[in-house]
C-alpha atoms as a PDB file:
ATOM      1  CA  UNK A   1     -77.498 -48.188 224.515  1.00  0.00           C
ATOM      2  CA  UNK A   2     -78.533 -50.462 221.639  1.00  0.00           C
ATOM      3  CA  UNK A   3     -81.076 -53.268 221.496  1.00  0.00           C
ATOM      4  CA  UNK A   4     -78.171 -55.562 220.603  1.00  0.00           C
ATOM      5  CA  UNK A   5     -76.466 -54.500 223.853  1.00  0.00           C
ATOM      6  CA  UNK A   6     -79.464 -55.695 225.848  1.00  0.00           C
ATOM      7  CA  UNK A   7     -79.516 -58.989 223.973  1.00  0.00           C
ATOM      8  CA  UNK A   8     -75.862 -59.416 224.864  1.00  0.00           C
ATOM      9  CA  UNK A   9     -76.265 -58.806 228.596  1.00  0.00           C
ATOM     10  CA  UNK A  10     -78.999 -61.458 228.713  1.00  0.00           C
ATOM     11  CA  UNK A  11     -76.472 -63.907 227.264  1.00  0.00           C
ATOM     12  CA  UNK A  12     -73.886 -62.808 229.823  1.00  0.00           C
ATOM     13  CA  UNK A  13     -76.382 -63.610 232.568  1.00  0.00           C
ATOM     14  CA  UNK A  14     -77.140 -66.981 230.969  1.00  0.00           C
ATOM     15  CA  UNK A  15     -73.485 -68.034 230.541  1.00  0.00           C
ATOM     16  CA  UNK A  16     -72.142 -66.242 233.626  1.00  0.00           C
ATOM     17  CA  UNK A  17     -69.237 -65.174 231.419  1.00  0.00           C
ATOM     18  CA  UNK A  18     -68.577 -62.238 229.101  1.00  0.00           C
ATOM     19  CA  UNK A  19     -66.180 -64.314 226.986  1.00  0.00           C
ATOM     20  CA  UNK A  20     -68.588 -67.248 226.630  1.00  0.00           C
ATOM     21  CA  UNK A  21     -71.486 -64.955 225.714  1.00  0.00           C
ATOM     22  CA  UNK A  22     -69.327 -63.159 223.136  1.00  0.00           C
ATOM     23  CA  UNK A  23     -68.228 -66.473 221.617  1.00  0.00           C
ATOM     24  CA  UNK A  24     -71.824 -67.699 221.419  1.00  0.00           C
ATOM     25  CA  UNK A  25     -72.900 -64.526 219.591  1.00  0.00           C
ATOM     26  CA  UNK A  26     -69.817 -64.359 217.360  1.00  0.00           C
ATOM     27  CA  UNK A  27     -68.543 -61.108 218.909  1.00  0.00           C
ATOM     28  CA  UNK A  28     -65.046 -59.982 219.766  1.00  0.00           C
ATOM     29  CA  UNK A  29     -64.454 -59.789 223.524  1.00  0.00           C
ATOM     30  CA  UNK A  30     -63.568 -56.082 223.327  1.00  0.00           C
ATOM     31  CA  UNK A  31     -66.824 -55.326 221.478  1.00  0.00           C
ATOM     32  CA  UNK A  32     -68.763 -57.341 224.046  1.00  0.00           C
ATOM     33  CA  UNK A  33     -67.182 -55.536 226.995  1.00  0.00           C
ATOM     34  CA  UNK A  34     -68.004 -52.182 225.402  1.00  0.00           C
ATOM     35  CA  UNK A  35     -71.659 -53.256 225.021  1.00  0.00           C
ATOM     36  CA  UNK A  36     -71.876 -54.118 228.720  1.00  0.00           C
ATOM     37  CA  UNK A  37     -70.289 -50.803 229.698  1.00  0.00           C
ATOM     38  CA  UNK A  38     -72.811 -48.883 227.552  1.00  0.00           C
ATOM     39  CA  UNK A  39     -75.747 -50.531 229.298  1.00  0.00           C
ATOM     40  CA  UNK A  40     -74.380 -50.024 232.796  1.00  0.00           C
ATOM     41  CA  UNK A  41     -73.462 -46.422 231.993  1.00  0.00           C
ATOM     42  CA  UNK A  42     -76.951 -45.680 230.652  1.00  0.00           C
ATOM     43  CA  UNK A  43     -78.583 -47.232 233.725  1.00  0.00           C
ATOM     44  CA  UNK A  44     -76.144 -45.737 236.219  1.00  0.00           C
ATOM     45  CA  UNK A  45     -75.727 -49.066 238.045  1.00  0.00           C
ATOM     46  CA  UNK A  46     -73.588 -52.184 237.775  1.00  0.00           C
ATOM     47  CA  UNK A  47     -75.477 -55.262 236.643  1.00  0.00           C
ATOM     48  CA  UNK A  48     -72.775 -57.826 237.398  1.00  0.00           C
ATOM     49  CA  UNK A  49     -70.250 -58.445 240.132  1.00  0.00           C
ATOM     50  CA  UNK A  50     -67.000 -59.499 238.498  1.00  0.00           C
ATOM     51  CA  UNK A  51     -64.172 -61.452 240.096  1.00  0.00           C
ATOM     52  CA  UNK A  52     -61.175 -63.134 238.518  1.00  0.00           C
ATOM     53  CA  UNK A  53     -62.989 -66.456 238.457  1.00  0.00           C
ATOM     54  CA  UNK A  54     -66.709 -65.747 238.303  1.00  0.00           C
ATOM     55  CA  UNK A  55     -69.437 -63.304 237.367  1.00  0.00           C
ATOM     56  CA  UNK A  56     -72.861 -62.970 238.978  1.00  0.00           C
ATOM     57  CA  UNK A  57     -75.786 -60.561 238.959  1.00  0.00           C
ATOM     58  CA  UNK A  58     -76.005 -57.671 241.367  1.00  0.00           C
ATOM     59  CA  UNK A  59     -79.310 -57.007 243.129  1.00  0.00           C
ATOM     60  CA  UNK A  60     -79.995 -54.298 240.509  1.00  0.00           C
ATOM     61  CA  UNK A  61     -79.226 -56.808 237.759  1.00  0.00           C
ATOM     62  CA  UNK A  62     -81.610 -59.345 239.283  1.00  0.00           C
ATOM     63  CA  UNK A  63     -84.400 -56.757 239.172  1.00  0.00           C
ATOM     64  CA  UNK A  64     -83.574 -55.339 235.762  1.00  0.00           C
ATOM     65  CA  UNK A  65     -82.879 -58.391 233.574  1.00  0.00           C
ATOM     66  CA  UNK A  66     -86.306 -60.110 233.811  1.00  0.00           C
ATOM     67  CA  UNK A  67     -88.019 -56.885 232.703  1.00  0.00           C
ATOM     68  CA  UNK A  68     -85.394 -56.386 230.018  1.00  0.00           C
ATOM     69  CA  UNK A  69     -86.092 -59.889 228.691  1.00  0.00           C
ATOM     70  CA  UNK A  70     -89.831 -59.227 228.589  1.00  0.00           C
ATOM     71  CA  UNK A  71     -89.283 -55.919 226.754  1.00  0.00           C
ATOM     72  CA  UNK A  72     -87.094 -57.567 224.104  1.00  0.00           C
ATOM     73  CA  UNK A  73     -89.664 -60.316 223.659  1.00  0.00           C
ATOM     74  CA  UNK A  74     -92.386 -57.710 223.095  1.00  0.00           C
ATOM     75  CA  UNK A  75     -90.209 -55.960 220.502  1.00  0.00           C
ATOM     76  CA  UNK A  76     -89.590 -59.257 218.689  1.00  0.00           C
ATOM     77  CA  UNK A  77     -93.297 -60.087 218.707  1.00  0.00           C
ATOM     78  CA  UNK A  78     -94.179 -56.661 217.333  1.00  0.00           C
ATOM     79  CA  UNK A  79     -91.593 -57.030 214.578  1.00  0.00           C
ATOM     80  CA  UNK A  80     -92.880 -60.485 213.632  1.00  0.00           C
ATOM     81  CA  UNK A  81     -96.481 -59.228 213.643  1.00  0.00           C
ATOM     82  CA  UNK A  82     -95.593 -56.524 211.126  1.00  0.00           C
ATOM     83  CA  UNK A  83     -93.823 -59.054 208.915  1.00  0.00           C
ATOM     84  CA  UNK A  84     -96.757 -61.450 209.184  1.00  0.00           C
ATOM     85  CA  UNK A  85     -99.201 -58.719 208.189  1.00  0.00           C
ATOM     86  CA  UNK A  86     -97.058 -57.720 205.211  1.00  0.00           C
ATOM     87  CA  UNK A  87     -95.946 -61.273 204.306  1.00  0.00           C
ATOM     88  CA  UNK A  88     -92.317 -60.164 204.482  1.00  0.00           C
ATOM     89  CA  UNK A  89     -89.833 -63.008 203.999  1.00  0.00           C
ATOM     90  CA  UNK A  90     -86.379 -61.885 205.047  1.00  0.00           C
ATOM     91  CA  UNK A  91     -83.742 -62.288 207.717  1.00  0.00           C
ATOM     92  CA  UNK A  92     -81.274 -65.024 208.539  1.00  0.00           C
ATOM     93  CA  UNK A  93     -82.331 -68.671 208.403  1.00  0.00           C
ATOM     94  CA  UNK A  94     -80.337 -70.495 211.071  1.00  0.00           C
ATOM     95  CA  UNK A  95     -81.166 -74.149 210.516  1.00  0.00           C
ATOM     96  CA  UNK A  96     -79.660 -77.437 211.680  1.00  0.00           C
ATOM     97  CA  UNK A  97     -79.994 -80.520 209.469  1.00  0.00           C
ATOM     98  CA  UNK A  98     -78.522 -84.008 209.651  1.00  0.00           C
ATOM     99  CA  UNK A  99     -75.461 -84.758 207.544  1.00  0.00           C
ATOM    100  CA  UNK A 100     -76.963 -87.006 204.874  1.00  0.00           C
ATOM    101  CA  UNK A 101     -80.330 -85.298 204.468  1.00  0.00           C
ATOM    102  CA  UNK A 102     -78.737 -81.851 204.660  1.00  0.00           C
ATOM    103  CA  UNK A 103     -75.958 -82.245 202.117  1.00  0.00           C
ATOM    104  CA  UNK A 104     -77.832 -84.257 199.523  1.00  0.00           C
ATOM    105  CA  UNK A 105     -81.382 -82.915 199.626  1.00  0.00           C
ATOM    106  CA  UNK A 106     -82.024 -79.934 201.893  1.00  0.00           C
ATOM    107  CA  UNK A 107     -79.162 -77.662 200.779  1.00  0.00           C
ATOM    108  CA  UNK A 108     -80.328 -77.658 197.118  1.00  0.00           C
ATOM    109  CA  UNK A 109     -83.870 -76.962 198.362  1.00  0.00           C
ATOM    110  CA  UNK A 110     -82.625 -74.028 200.447  1.00  0.00           C
ATOM    111  CA  UNK A 111     -80.687 -72.670 197.450  1.00  0.00           C
ATOM    112  CA  UNK A 112     -83.943 -72.703 195.504  1.00  0.00           C
ATOM    113  CA  UNK A 113     -85.759 -71.014 198.397  1.00  0.00           C
ATOM    114  CA  UNK A 114     -83.166 -68.229 198.590  1.00  0.00           C
ATOM    115  CA  UNK A 115     -83.374 -67.607 194.861  1.00  0.00           C
ATOM    116  CA  UNK A 116     -87.100 -66.979 195.309  1.00  0.00           C
ATOM    117  CA  UNK A 117     -86.519 -64.816 198.408  1.00  0.00           C
ATOM    118  CA  UNK A 118     -83.286 -62.862 197.880  1.00  0.00           C
ATOM    119  CA  UNK A 119     -83.585 -60.992 201.207  1.00  0.00           C
ATOM    120  CA  UNK A 120     -83.051 -64.244 203.094  1.00  0.00           C
ATOM    121  CA  UNK A 121     -79.584 -65.263 204.306  1.00  0.00           C
ATOM    122  CA  UNK A 122     -78.560 -68.712 205.504  1.00  0.00           C
ATOM    123  CA  UNK A 123     -76.507 -70.192 208.327  1.00  0.00           C
ATOM    124  CA  UNK A 124     -76.532 -73.998 208.161  1.00  0.00           C
ATOM    125  CA  UNK A 125     -75.419 -76.431 210.859  1.00  0.00           C
ATOM    126  CA  UNK A 126     -74.732 -79.790 209.178  1.00  0.00           C
ATOM    127  CA  UNK A 127     -74.300 -82.443 211.846  1.00  0.00           C
ATOM    128  CA  UNK A 128     -75.836 -85.624 213.233  1.00  0.00           C
ATOM    129  CA  UNK A 129     -75.287 -84.564 216.843  1.00  0.00           C
ATOM    130  CA  UNK A 130     -78.186 -83.588 219.070  1.00  0.00           C
ATOM    131  CA  UNK A 131     -78.998 -79.889 218.815  1.00  0.00           C
ATOM    132  CA  UNK A 132     -79.129 -77.714 221.915  1.00  0.00           C
ATOM    133  CA  UNK A 133     -81.166 -74.650 220.956  1.00  0.00           C
ATOM    134  CA  UNK A 134     -79.796 -72.732 223.950  1.00  0.00           C
ATOM    135  CA  UNK A 135     -76.180 -73.444 223.067  1.00  0.00           C
ATOM    136  CA  UNK A 136     -76.096 -73.674 219.278  1.00  0.00           C
ATOM    137  CA  UNK A 137     -76.686 -70.748 216.939  1.00  0.00           C
ATOM    138  CA  UNK A 138     -79.818 -72.204 215.311  1.00  0.00           C
ATOM    139  CA  UNK A 139     -83.475 -71.196 215.291  1.00  0.00           C
ATOM    140  CA  UNK A 140     -84.881 -74.388 213.768  1.00  0.00           C
ATOM    141  CA  UNK A 141     -83.871 -77.975 213.161  1.00  0.00           C
ATOM    142  CA  UNK A 142     -85.008 -80.442 210.500  1.00  0.00           C
ATOM    143  CA  UNK A 143     -84.634 -83.755 212.286  1.00  0.00           C
ATOM    144  CA  UNK A 144     -85.732 -87.375 212.165  1.00  0.00           C
ATOM    145  CA  UNK A 145     -87.960 -88.314 215.095  1.00  0.00           C
ATOM    146  CA  UNK A 146     -90.713 -86.388 216.857  1.00  0.00           C
ATOM    147  CA  UNK A 147     -89.665 -83.840 219.513  1.00  0.00           C
ATOM    148  CA  UNK A 148     -89.544 -85.262 223.042  1.00  0.00           C
ATOM    149  CA  UNK A 149     -89.360 -81.867 224.778  1.00  0.00           C
ATOM    150  CA  UNK A 150     -92.835 -80.440 225.374  1.00  0.00           C
ATOM    151  CA  UNK A 151     -91.432 -76.900 225.336  1.00  0.00           C
ATOM    152  CA  UNK A 152     -90.481 -77.186 221.639  1.00  0.00           C
ATOM    153  CA  UNK A 153     -92.757 -76.348 218.715  1.00  0.00           C
ATOM    154  CA  UNK A 154     -92.747 -78.652 215.726  1.00  0.00           C
ATOM    155  CA  UNK A 155     -94.310 -79.382 212.354  1.00  0.00           C
ATOM    156  CA  UNK A 156     -94.423 -82.968 211.170  1.00  0.00           C
ATOM    157  CA  UNK A 157     -93.302 -83.088 207.552  1.00  0.00           C
ATOM    158  CA  UNK A 158     -93.934 -86.759 206.743  1.00  0.00           C
ATOM    159  CA  UNK A 159     -93.476 -90.366 207.760  1.00  0.00           C
ATOM    160  CA  UNK A 160     -90.179 -91.811 206.538  1.00  0.00           C
ATOM    161  CA  UNK A 161     -89.943 -95.588 205.995  1.00  0.00           C
ATOM    162  CA  UNK A 162     -86.552 -97.192 206.366  1.00  0.00           C
ATOM    163  CA  UNK A 163     -84.972 -99.282 203.610  1.00  0.00           C
ATOM    164  CA  UNK A 164     -82.432-102.108 203.619  1.00  0.00           C
ATOM    165  CA  UNK A 165     -79.967-101.261 200.861  1.00  0.00           C
ATOM    166  CA  UNK A 166     -77.045-102.790 198.983  1.00  0.00           C
ATOM    167  CA  UNK A 167     -75.566-102.577 195.505  1.00  0.00           C
ATOM    168  CA  UNK A 168     -76.242-105.196 192.851  1.00  0.00           C
ATOM    169  CA  UNK A 169     -72.492-105.866 192.711  1.00  0.00           C
ATOM    170  CA  UNK A 170     -72.418-106.688 196.419  1.00  0.00           C
ATOM    171  CA  UNK A 171     -75.440-108.993 196.054  1.00  0.00           C
ATOM    172  CA  UNK A 172     -73.848-110.758 193.075  1.00  0.00           C
ATOM    173  CA  UNK A 173     -70.730-111.446 195.142  1.00  0.00           C
ATOM    174  CA  UNK A 174     -72.304-112.241 198.520  1.00  0.00           C
ATOM    175  CA  UNK A 175     -75.794-113.460 197.684  1.00  0.00           C
ATOM    176  CA  UNK A 176     -79.267-111.992 198.207  1.00  0.00           C
ATOM    177  CA  UNK A 177     -80.905-112.660 201.595  1.00  0.00           C
ATOM    178  CA  UNK A 178     -84.512-113.877 201.642  1.00  0.00           C
ATOM    179  CA  UNK A 179     -85.133-113.413 205.376  1.00  0.00           C
ATOM    180  CA  UNK A 180     -83.734-111.062 208.051  1.00  0.00           C
ATOM    181  CA  UNK A 181     -81.963-113.996 209.719  1.00  0.00           C
ATOM    182  CA  UNK A 182     -79.934-114.461 206.501  1.00  0.00           C
ATOM    183  CA  UNK A 183     -78.287-111.101 207.152  1.00  0.00           C
ATOM    184  CA  UNK A 184     -76.031-112.506 209.860  1.00  0.00           C
ATOM    185  CA  UNK A 185     -73.671-113.820 207.195  1.00  0.00           C
ATOM    186  CA  UNK A 186     -73.402-110.395 205.513  1.00  0.00           C
ATOM    187  CA  UNK A 187     -71.347-107.266 206.230  1.00  0.00           C
ATOM    188  CA  UNK A 188     -73.252-104.502 208.010  1.00  0.00           C
ATOM    189  CA  UNK A 189     -72.501-100.785 207.686  1.00  0.00           C
ATOM    190  CA  UNK A 190     -73.353 -99.122 210.973  1.00  0.00           C
ATOM    191  CA  UNK A 191     -74.422 -95.704 212.154  1.00  0.00           C
ATOM    192  CA  UNK A 192     -72.888 -94.670 215.453  1.00  0.00           C
ATOM    193  CA  UNK A 193     -74.318 -91.962 217.715  1.00  0.00           C
ATOM    194  CA  UNK A 194     -73.244 -90.904 221.207  1.00  0.00           C
ATOM    195  CA  UNK A 195     -70.868 -93.856 221.361  1.00  0.00           C
ATOM    196  CA  UNK A 196     -73.625 -96.369 220.574  1.00  0.00           C
ATOM    197  CA  UNK A 197     -73.283 -98.509 217.454  1.00  0.00           C
ATOM    198  CA  UNK A 198     -76.635 -99.342 215.858  1.00  0.00           C
ATOM    199  CA  UNK A 199     -75.830-102.932 214.946  1.00  0.00           C
ATOM    200  CA  UNK A 200     -79.134-104.520 215.999  1.00  0.00           C
ATOM    201  CA  UNK A 201     -81.505-104.190 213.060  1.00  0.00           C
ATOM    202  CA  UNK A 202     -85.261-104.542 213.484  1.00  0.00           C
ATOM    203  CA  UNK A 203     -87.780-105.613 210.858  1.00  0.00           C
ATOM    204  CA  UNK A 204     -91.505-106.389 210.862  1.00  0.00           C
ATOM    205  CA  UNK A 205     -93.811-108.372 208.610  1.00  0.00           C
ATOM    206  CA  UNK A 206     -97.480-109.231 209.111  1.00  0.00           C
ATOM    207  CA  UNK A 207     -97.319-108.221 212.749  1.00  0.00           C
ATOM    208  CA  UNK A 208     -94.213-110.290 213.509  1.00  0.00           C
ATOM    209  CA  UNK A 209     -91.038-108.506 214.602  1.00  0.00           C
ATOM    210  CA  UNK A 210     -87.508-109.679 213.921  1.00  0.00           C
ATOM    211  CA  UNK A 211     -84.260-108.506 215.528  1.00  0.00           C
ATOM    212  CA  UNK A 212     -80.913-109.270 213.934  1.00  0.00           C
ATOM    213  CA  UNK A 213     -77.552-108.722 215.630  1.00  0.00           C
ATOM    214  CA  UNK A 214     -75.314-107.775 212.736  1.00  0.00           C
ATOM    215  CA  UNK A 215     -71.554-107.913 212.344  1.00  0.00           C
ATOM    216  CA  UNK A 216     -69.606-105.543 210.122  1.00  0.00           C
ATOM    217  CA  UNK A 217     -66.276-103.883 209.485  1.00  0.00           C
ATOM    218  CA  UNK A 218     -67.364-100.231 209.228  1.00  0.00           C
ATOM    219  CA  UNK A 219     -69.147 -97.788 211.566  1.00  0.00           C
ATOM    220  CA  UNK A 220     -69.376 -93.984 211.580  1.00  0.00           C
ATOM    221  CA  UNK A 221     -71.148 -91.149 213.385  1.00  0.00           C
ATOM    222  CA  UNK A 222     -71.691 -89.510 209.971  1.00  0.00           C
ATOM    223  CA  UNK A 223     -74.800 -90.819 208.234  1.00  0.00           C
ATOM    224  CA  UNK A 224     -73.593 -89.598 204.843  1.00  0.00           C
ATOM    225  CA  UNK A 225     -70.437 -91.704 205.146  1.00  0.00           C
ATOM    226  CA  UNK A 226     -72.537 -94.803 205.859  1.00  0.00           C
ATOM    227  CA  UNK A 227     -74.520 -94.045 202.700  1.00  0.00           C
ATOM    228  CA  UNK A 228     -71.319 -93.672 200.644  1.00  0.00           C
ATOM    229  CA  UNK A 229     -70.002 -97.000 201.898  1.00  0.00           C
ATOM    230  CA  UNK A 230     -73.254 -98.630 200.844  1.00  0.00           C
ATOM    231  CA  UNK A 231     -73.199 -97.021 197.389  1.00  0.00           C
ATOM    232  CA  UNK A 232     -69.635 -98.276 196.812  1.00  0.00           C
ATOM    233  CA  UNK A 233     -70.621-101.873 197.568  1.00  0.00           C
ATOM    234  CA  UNK A 234     -69.120-102.324 201.031  1.00  0.00           C
ATOM    235  CA  UNK A 235     -72.162-104.097 202.481  1.00  0.00           C
ATOM    236  CA  UNK A 236     -75.720-103.626 203.728  1.00  0.00           C
ATOM    237  CA  UNK A 237     -77.096-100.470 205.357  1.00  0.00           C
ATOM    238  CA  UNK A 238     -80.472 -99.660 206.903  1.00  0.00           C
ATOM    239  CA  UNK A 239     -81.200 -96.050 206.038  1.00  0.00           C
ATOM    240  CA  UNK A 240     -83.987 -93.508 205.705  1.00  0.00           C
ATOM    241  CA  UNK A 241     -85.615 -93.739 202.286  1.00  0.00           C
ATOM    242  CA  UNK A 242     -85.136 -89.974 201.919  1.00  0.00           C
ATOM    243  CA  UNK A 243     -81.387 -90.253 202.548  1.00  0.00           C
ATOM    244  CA  UNK A 244     -81.105 -93.003 199.935  1.00  0.00           C
ATOM    245  CA  UNK A 245     -83.703 -91.658 197.496  1.00  0.00           C
ATOM    246  CA  UNK A 246     -81.331 -90.423 194.772  1.00  0.00           C
ATOM    247  CA  UNK A 247     -79.329 -93.663 194.879  1.00  0.00           C
ATOM    248  CA  UNK A 248     -82.472 -95.807 194.859  1.00  0.00           C
ATOM    249  CA  UNK A 249     -84.047 -93.915 191.960  1.00  0.00           C
ATOM    250  CA  UNK A 250     -80.832 -93.998 189.920  1.00  0.00           C
ATOM    251  CA  UNK A 251     -80.318 -97.722 190.541  1.00  0.00           C
ATOM    252  CA  UNK A 252     -77.004 -97.281 192.364  1.00  0.00           C
ATOM    253  CA  UNK A 253     -78.460 -99.292 195.246  1.00  0.00           C
ATOM    254  CA  UNK A 254     -81.355-101.710 195.562  1.00  0.00           C
ATOM    255  CA  UNK A 255     -84.032-101.999 198.227  1.00  0.00           C
ATOM    256  CA  UNK A 256     -83.608-105.573 199.488  1.00  0.00           C
ATOM    257  CA  UNK A 257     -86.407-107.631 201.084  1.00  0.00           C
ATOM    258  CA  UNK A 258     -88.934-104.757 200.933  1.00  0.00           C
ATOM    259  CA  UNK A 259     -91.620-107.067 202.334  1.00  0.00           C
ATOM    260  CA  UNK A 260     -89.758-106.935 205.662  1.00  0.00           C
ATOM    261  CA  UNK A 261     -90.190-103.375 206.954  1.00  0.00           C
ATOM    262  CA  UNK A 262     -87.096-101.882 208.652  1.00  0.00           C
ATOM    263  CA  UNK A 263     -87.402 -99.244 211.336  1.00  0.00           C
ATOM    264  CA  UNK A 264     -89.397 -96.207 210.235  1.00  0.00           C
ATOM    265  CA  UNK A 265     -89.269 -92.671 211.555  1.00  0.00           C
ATOM    266  CA  UNK A 266     -90.779 -89.223 211.055  1.00  0.00           C
ATOM    267  CA  UNK A 267     -89.337 -85.982 209.719  1.00  0.00           C
ATOM    268  CA  UNK A 268     -90.030 -82.856 211.798  1.00  0.00           C
ATOM    269  CA  UNK A 269     -89.218 -79.164 211.538  1.00  0.00           C
ATOM    270  CA  UNK A 270     -88.659 -78.000 215.121  1.00  0.00           C
ATOM    271  CA  UNK A 271     -88.371 -74.522 216.687  1.00  0.00           C
ATOM    272  CA  UNK A 272     -87.538 -73.737 220.319  1.00  0.00           C
ATOM    273  CA  UNK A 273     -90.096 -70.924 220.541  1.00  0.00           C
ATOM    274  CA  UNK A 274     -93.387 -69.954 218.928  1.00  0.00           C
ATOM    275  CA  UNK A 275     -91.922 -66.483 218.347  1.00  0.00           C
ATOM    276  CA  UNK A 276     -89.400 -68.021 215.928  1.00  0.00           C
ATOM    277  CA  UNK A 277     -92.134 -69.358 213.619  1.00  0.00           C
ATOM    278  CA  UNK A 278     -91.771 -66.596 211.058  1.00  0.00           C
ATOM    279  CA  UNK A 279     -93.311 -66.342 207.563  1.00  0.00           C
ATOM    280  CA  UNK A 280     -90.033 -67.793 206.237  1.00  0.00           C
ATOM    281  CA  UNK A 281     -90.314 -70.805 208.557  1.00  0.00           C
ATOM    282  CA  UNK A 282     -93.890 -71.476 207.463  1.00  0.00           C
ATOM    283  CA  UNK A 283     -92.872 -71.250 203.818  1.00  0.00           C
ATOM    284  CA  UNK A 284     -90.004 -73.654 204.476  1.00  0.00           C
ATOM    285  CA  UNK A 285     -92.411 -76.067 206.157  1.00  0.00           C
ATOM    286  CA  UNK A 286     -94.669 -75.992 203.101  1.00  0.00           C
ATOM    287  CA  UNK A 287     -91.710 -76.452 200.758  1.00  0.00           C
ATOM    288  CA  UNK A 288     -90.440 -79.448 202.748  1.00  0.00           C
ATOM    289  CA  UNK A 289     -93.923 -80.993 202.552  1.00  0.00           C
ATOM    290  CA  UNK A 290     -93.969 -80.643 198.778  1.00  0.00           C
ATOM    291  CA  UNK A 291     -90.379 -81.766 198.166  1.00  0.00           C
ATOM    292  CA  UNK A 292     -90.664 -84.839 200.376  1.00  0.00           C
ATOM    293  CA  UNK A 293     -94.023 -85.714 198.858  1.00  0.00           C
ATOM    294  CA  UNK A 294     -92.535 -85.598 195.360  1.00  0.00           C
ATOM    295  CA  UNK A 295     -89.702 -87.926 196.368  1.00  0.00           C
ATOM    296  CA  UNK A 296     -92.044 -90.378 198.087  1.00  0.00           C
ATOM    297  CA  UNK A 297     -94.260 -90.489 195.008  1.00  0.00           C
ATOM    298  CA  UNK A 298     -91.271 -91.299 192.799  1.00  0.00           C
ATOM    299  CA  UNK A 299     -90.176 -94.076 195.163  1.00  0.00           C
ATOM    300  CA  UNK A 300     -93.705 -95.519 195.155  1.00  0.00           C
ATOM    301  CA  UNK A 301     -93.950 -95.402 191.362  1.00  0.00           C
ATOM    302  CA  UNK A 302     -90.596 -97.172 191.018  1.00  0.00           C
ATOM    303  CA  UNK A 303     -91.744 -99.942 193.381  1.00  0.00           C
ATOM    304  CA  UNK A 304     -89.118 -99.286 196.055  1.00  0.00           C
ATOM    305  CA  UNK A 305     -91.504-100.141 198.903  1.00  0.00           C
ATOM    306  CA  UNK A 306     -93.144-103.489 199.506  1.00  0.00           C
ATOM    307  CA  UNK A 307     -96.909-103.930 199.705  1.00  0.00           C
ATOM    308  CA  UNK A 308     -96.681-104.271 203.482  1.00  0.00           C
ATOM    309  CA  UNK A 309     -95.461-100.680 203.775  1.00  0.00           C
ATOM    310  CA  UNK A 310     -98.510 -99.467 201.878  1.00  0.00           C
ATOM    311  CA  UNK A 311    -100.833-101.663 203.941  1.00  0.00           C
ATOM    312  CA  UNK A 312     -99.356-100.268 207.142  1.00  0.00           C
ATOM    313  CA  UNK A 313    -100.366 -96.802 205.941  1.00  0.00           C
ATOM    314  CA  UNK A 314     -96.947 -95.166 206.187  1.00  0.00           C
ATOM    315  CA  UNK A 315     -97.303 -93.723 202.713  1.00  0.00           C
ATOM    316  CA  UNK A 316    -100.919 -92.573 202.790  1.00  0.00           C
ATOM    317  CA  UNK A 317    -101.701 -89.019 201.792  1.00  0.00           C
ATOM    318  CA  UNK A 318    -102.803 -88.240 205.361  1.00  0.00           C
ATOM    319  CA  UNK A 319     -99.439 -89.346 206.694  1.00  0.00           C
ATOM    320  CA  UNK A 320     -97.369 -87.655 204.048  1.00  0.00           C
ATOM    321  CA  UNK A 321     -99.167 -84.358 204.549  1.00  0.00           C
ATOM    322  CA  UNK A 322    -100.360 -84.286 208.182  1.00  0.00           C
END
């Protein structure tokens, strides 16, 4: 009986299915069935009652699995304690990142991290969908917005102001708006999530809020595609300044009406369990702090943000490095 066998039977109990548990763990069904047989043979009891349509715990399984889970947790904690004491950085990084941020910024950062720590391997989930830590094969997520689930553990990386962007070519053809209400005559490029199109854009200036219902001919659930449309002059987009940083710094797009502050957000590194905060995770957190801080400083020096953003304190050192 292997430790991996015990980890598998816990997943069988969670999914109520050998096939589903095997799929979740990336195992062949035959290998998974053999693991279950090894455990039951070693214990001398059946842990599950199987029928053609369902699977449930036996009374022995109900008694055994909670203690099994506690034992595995103690083993994991002991292993992490040894690594902490020795500052060992190894293992598989299973991280979820949003499409735009992940492809254009985070993946090069992770390549750099792995060059410095060759014992680390990577499994990346690049998607804008909401992550379910109990369904998806990830141990951490780098996401915009603070965690709403009190059971999660997170590190705030920085505040992230939004920017209203367009190319100079688009502005030359369609005109440059001076006020949010002028945007109604322009083409919006929309982000779409969970069937909801984000076509109402919000801005603030000197304590006054403005909402603009936009019209546009393009929408996508992929944030990177919205960015590409903007860079090729298809219209206006409201995006995270991190997502647009390379295009802003290179002059491919322009921050329009910076005195009117679009929606802002926060960048967080989130883990589902304290036990998953390994030395590698803490090093990643520190690296993300530094990398984001460098980008923000470049954007500030190039005058991408209006004075109102600075006055609001979104770019203060305390906020960038909480």
